[in-house]
Amino acid sequence: MNTALELAAVALAALLSENLVLVTCMGIGTHEQSFAEPREAIRTGLCLTVVMLLGVLFAWLLNFLVLLRFGWTHFQLLAFSLLIPGLVAGLRTFLRACVPELSRRVDLNLSSIATNCAALGAALLISQRSYSLPAALVFALCGGIGATLALASFASLQKEVSLDRCPKSFRGVPIQLITAGLMAMALMGYYGLYLG
């Protein structure tokens, strides 16, 4: 059983030192609008958080109840690679049938998350680290919140900073990559942070 201190360490690691967008570069596969508009960034981050929570829950159950029990751990990557897009497709179908207004607003965000590496990466990390179910869910929740904060911060910086004074060769993608690198360097100061 996990203590509160161990869960806090997992939460801090997922939020700061192992941020899935800035540090491990797993959550970057979202649609381009998320990086330009803060509202879209928050919407994408919330969808990513929900998919990560559900994905980690089902991946932990699949890993514990099937793969480890039968000695099929070498199929983890294949199983999780099929699980996450299937989960996103099922979530999109459920929302379309039950909550059409919400489905209309988040369908583009959910479709971009189907190929996002953060959900698959979180499922693989919790199985490699042998997290218990509470620790896995805390990791997914805080990892999703950290990814949402990173996407929203990046989108807000894009909106606030005037790129007209930037040299022409740095405009567009180069300055965006430099900005993301500087944000990642700020979080690297937390690397190795451990409560204990």
Protein backbone atom coordinates (compact mmCIF):
# COMPACT_ATOMS: atom_id res chain seq x y z
CA MET A 1 0.00 0.00 0.00
CA ASN A 2 1.24 3.45 -0.86
CA THR A 3 1.78 6.06 1.78
CA ALA A 4 0.74 9.66 1.26
CA LEU A 5 4.40 10.64 0.96
CA GLU A 6 5.01 8.16 -1.86
CA LEU A 7 1.90 9.37 -3.71
CA ALA A 8 3.05 12.98 -3.24
CA ALA A 9 6.44 12.06 -4.72
CA VAL A 10 4.74 10.45 -7.74
CA ALA A 11 2.51 13.53 -8.15
CA LEU A 12 5.42 15.98 -7.98
CA ALA A 13 7.47 13.94 -10.42
CA ALA A 14 4.59 13.80 -12.92
CA LEU A 15 3.88 17.53 -12.58
CA LEU A 16 7.40 18.91 -12.61
CA SER A 17 10.49 16.80 -13.12
CA GLU A 18 8.93 14.35 -15.60
CA ASN A 19 6.51 16.69 -17.36
CA LEU A 20 5.20 14.68 -20.31
CA VAL A 21 5.25 17.65 -22.70
CA LEU A 22 8.36 19.59 -21.80
CA VAL A 23 10.77 17.12 -20.23
CA THR A 24 10.03 13.74 -21.80
CA CYS A 25 8.58 15.24 -25.04
CA MET A 26 5.75 12.70 -25.17
CA GLY A 27 2.70 14.95 -25.34
CA ILE A 28 3.61 17.09 -28.31
CA GLY A 29 1.55 15.21 -30.90
CA THR A 30 -1.50 17.47 -30.64
CA HIS A 31 -3.05 19.55 -33.37
CA GLU A 32 -1.38 22.86 -34.18
CA GLN A 33 -4.29 25.01 -32.93
CA SER A 34 -3.55 23.89 -29.36
CA PHE A 35 -0.26 25.72 -29.44
CA ALA A 36 -1.75 28.95 -30.76
CA GLU A 37 -4.93 29.41 -28.71
CA PRO A 38 -4.91 29.10 -24.87
CA ARG A 39 -8.54 27.94 -24.75
CA GLU A 40 -7.81 25.15 -27.22
CA ALA A 41 -4.69 24.23 -25.25
CA ILE A 42 -6.72 23.83 -22.05
CA ARG A 43 -9.40 21.84 -23.88
CA THR A 44 -6.77 19.55 -25.41
CA GLY A 45 -5.05 19.16 -22.05
CA LEU A 46 -8.29 18.23 -20.31
CA CYS A 47 -9.09 15.66 -23.01
CA LEU A 48 -5.55 14.31 -22.67
CA THR A 49 -5.96 14.05 -18.89
CA VAL A 50 -9.20 12.07 -19.23
CA VAL A 51 -7.67 9.75 -21.82
CA MET A 52 -4.56 9.28 -19.67
CA LEU A 53 -6.64 8.41 -16.60
CA LEU A 54 -8.77 5.90 -18.48
CA GLY A 55 -5.78 4.56 -20.40
CA VAL A 56 -3.70 4.03 -17.28
CA LEU A 57 -6.62 2.37 -15.49
CA PHE A 58 -7.26 -0.09 -18.31
CA ALA A 59 -3.54 -0.60 -19.00
CA TRP A 60 -2.88 -1.40 -15.34
CA LEU A 61 -5.78 -3.86 -15.28
CA LEU A 62 -4.70 -5.46 -18.57
CA ASN A 63 -1.10 -5.70 -17.40
CA PHE A 64 -1.90 -7.05 -13.93
CA LEU A 65 -4.78 -9.38 -14.80
CA VAL A 66 -3.61 -10.73 -18.16
CA LEU A 67 -0.06 -9.95 -19.27
CA LEU A 68 1.77 -10.61 -15.99
CA ARG A 69 -0.42 -13.56 -15.03
CA PHE A 70 0.21 -15.45 -18.28
CA GLY A 71 3.80 -14.30 -18.79
CA TRP A 72 2.99 -12.22 -21.87
CA THR A 73 4.85 -9.09 -20.79
CA HIS A 74 6.69 -8.97 -24.11
CA PHE A 75 3.32 -7.99 -25.67
CA GLN A 76 2.93 -4.87 -23.47
CA LEU A 77 3.81 -2.36 -26.17
CA LEU A 78 1.52 -3.97 -28.72
CA ALA A 79 -1.34 -4.30 -26.25
CA PHE A 80 -1.05 -0.70 -25.04
CA SER A 81 -0.62 0.61 -28.61
CA LEU A 82 -3.96 -0.96 -29.49
CA LEU A 83 -5.63 -0.07 -26.19
CA ILE A 84 -5.15 3.72 -26.27
CA PRO A 85 -6.53 4.44 -29.80
CA GLY A 86 -9.36 1.95 -29.15
CA LEU A 87 -10.16 3.75 -25.92
CA VAL A 88 -10.20 7.13 -27.69
CA ALA A 89 -12.46 5.75 -30.43
CA GLY A 90 -14.84 4.33 -27.82
CA LEU A 91 -14.85 7.63 -25.90
CA ARG A 92 -15.61 9.58 -29.09
CA THR A 93 -18.47 7.20 -29.95
CA PHE A 94 -19.87 7.43 -26.42
CA LEU A 95 -19.76 11.23 -26.45
CA ARG A 96 -21.31 11.41 -29.92
CA ALA A 97 -24.21 9.21 -28.81
CA CYS A 98 -24.78 10.54 -25.28
CA VAL A 99 -23.50 14.13 -25.19
CA PRO A 100 -23.54 15.48 -28.78
CA GLU A 101 -22.83 19.11 -27.80
CA LEU A 102 -19.69 18.14 -25.86
CA SER A 103 -18.71 15.80 -28.67
CA ARG A 104 -18.91 18.65 -31.18
CA ARG A 105 -16.58 20.78 -29.04
CA VAL A 106 -13.93 18.19 -28.20
CA ASP A 107 -13.98 15.83 -31.19
CA LEU A 108 -10.95 17.43 -32.88
CA ASN A 109 -9.06 17.40 -29.58
CA LEU A 110 -9.87 13.74 -28.94
CA SER A 111 -8.95 12.70 -32.47
CA SER A 112 -5.51 14.31 -32.10
CA ILE A 113 -4.98 12.53 -28.78
CA ALA A 114 -5.49 9.10 -30.36
CA THR A 115 -1.93 9.33 -31.71
CA ASN A 116 -0.50 11.35 -28.81
CA CYS A 117 2.42 9.62 -27.12
CA ALA A 118 1.63 10.95 -23.63
CA ALA A 119 -1.23 8.50 -23.03
CA LEU A 120 0.76 5.55 -24.36
CA GLY A 121 3.89 6.72 -22.53
CA ALA A 122 2.05 6.99 -19.23
CA ALA A 123 0.71 3.43 -19.64
CA LEU A 124 4.20 2.12 -20.40
CA LEU A 125 5.83 4.05 -17.55
CA ILE A 126 3.42 2.76 -14.92
CA SER A 127 3.98 -0.82 -16.02
CA GLN A 128 7.78 -0.45 -16.18
CA ARG A 129 7.89 1.12 -12.73
CA SER A 130 5.42 -1.42 -11.27
CA TYR A 131 3.20 1.28 -9.79
CA SER A 132 0.25 0.22 -7.70
CA LEU A 133 -3.17 1.26 -8.99
CA PRO A 134 -3.44 4.38 -6.75
CA ALA A 135 0.07 5.50 -7.70
CA ALA A 136 -0.67 4.87 -11.39
CA LEU A 137 -3.85 6.95 -11.24
CA VAL A 138 -2.05 9.77 -9.39
CA PHE A 139 0.71 9.68 -12.01
CA ALA A 140 -1.84 9.88 -14.84
CA LEU A 141 -3.85 12.68 -13.22
CA CYS A 142 -0.84 14.82 -12.34
CA GLY A 143 0.84 14.03 -15.66
CA GLY A 144 -2.26 15.23 -17.46
CA ILE A 145 -2.45 18.37 -15.34
CA GLY A 146 1.23 19.04 -15.99
CA ALA A 147 0.73 18.57 -19.74
CA THR A 148 -2.28 20.91 -19.64
CA LEU A 149 -0.29 23.58 -17.81
CA ALA A 150 2.59 23.24 -20.26
CA LEU A 151 0.31 23.50 -23.32
CA ALA A 152 -1.61 26.46 -21.85
CA SER A 153 1.60 28.26 -20.84
CA PHE A 154 3.10 27.76 -24.27
CA ALA A 155 -0.07 28.97 -26.01
CA SER A 156 -0.28 32.01 -23.70
CA LEU A 157 3.35 32.87 -24.39
CA GLN A 158 2.68 32.64 -28.12
CA LYS A 159 -0.21 35.09 -27.77
CA GLU A 160 1.58 37.55 -25.49
CA VAL A 161 5.02 37.76 -27.08
CA SER A 162 5.38 39.97 -30.13
CA LEU A 163 7.42 38.13 -32.71
CA ASP A 164 7.75 41.16 -34.99
CA ARG A 165 11.07 42.13 -33.39
CA CYS A 166 12.41 38.60 -33.78
CA PRO A 167 14.89 38.08 -36.65
CA LYS A 168 13.15 36.78 -39.75
CA SER A 169 15.07 33.48 -39.75
CA PHE A 170 13.78 32.71 -36.22
CA ARG A 171 10.09 33.41 -36.84
CA GLY A 172 7.64 30.53 -36.74
CA VAL A 173 8.80 27.07 -35.74
CA PRO A 174 12.40 27.99 -34.73
CA ILE A 175 11.32 30.49 -32.06
CA GLN A 176 8.63 28.07 -30.88
CA LEU A 177 11.25 25.36 -30.39
CA ILE A 178 13.53 27.78 -28.54
CA THR A 179 10.62 28.80 -26.29
CA ALA A 180 9.77 25.17 -25.56
CA GLY A 181 13.44 24.47 -24.81
CA LEU A 182 13.63 27.35 -22.34
CA MET A 183 10.44 26.17 -20.61
CA ALA A 184 11.89 22.64 -20.38
CA MET A 185 15.13 23.98 -18.91
CA ALA A 186 13.13 25.75 -16.22
CA LEU A 187 11.57 22.42 -15.21
CA MET A 188 14.88 20.57 -15.29
CA GLY A 189 15.75 22.27 -12.00
CA TYR A 190 13.23 19.94 -10.35
CA TYR A 191 14.81 16.81 -11.82
CA GLY A 192 15.69 14.34 -9.11
CA LEU A 193 13.30 15.92 -6.62
CA TYR A 194 12.27 13.21 -4.21
CA LEU A 195 10.33 13.34 -1.00
CA GLY A 196 11.76 10.98 1.52
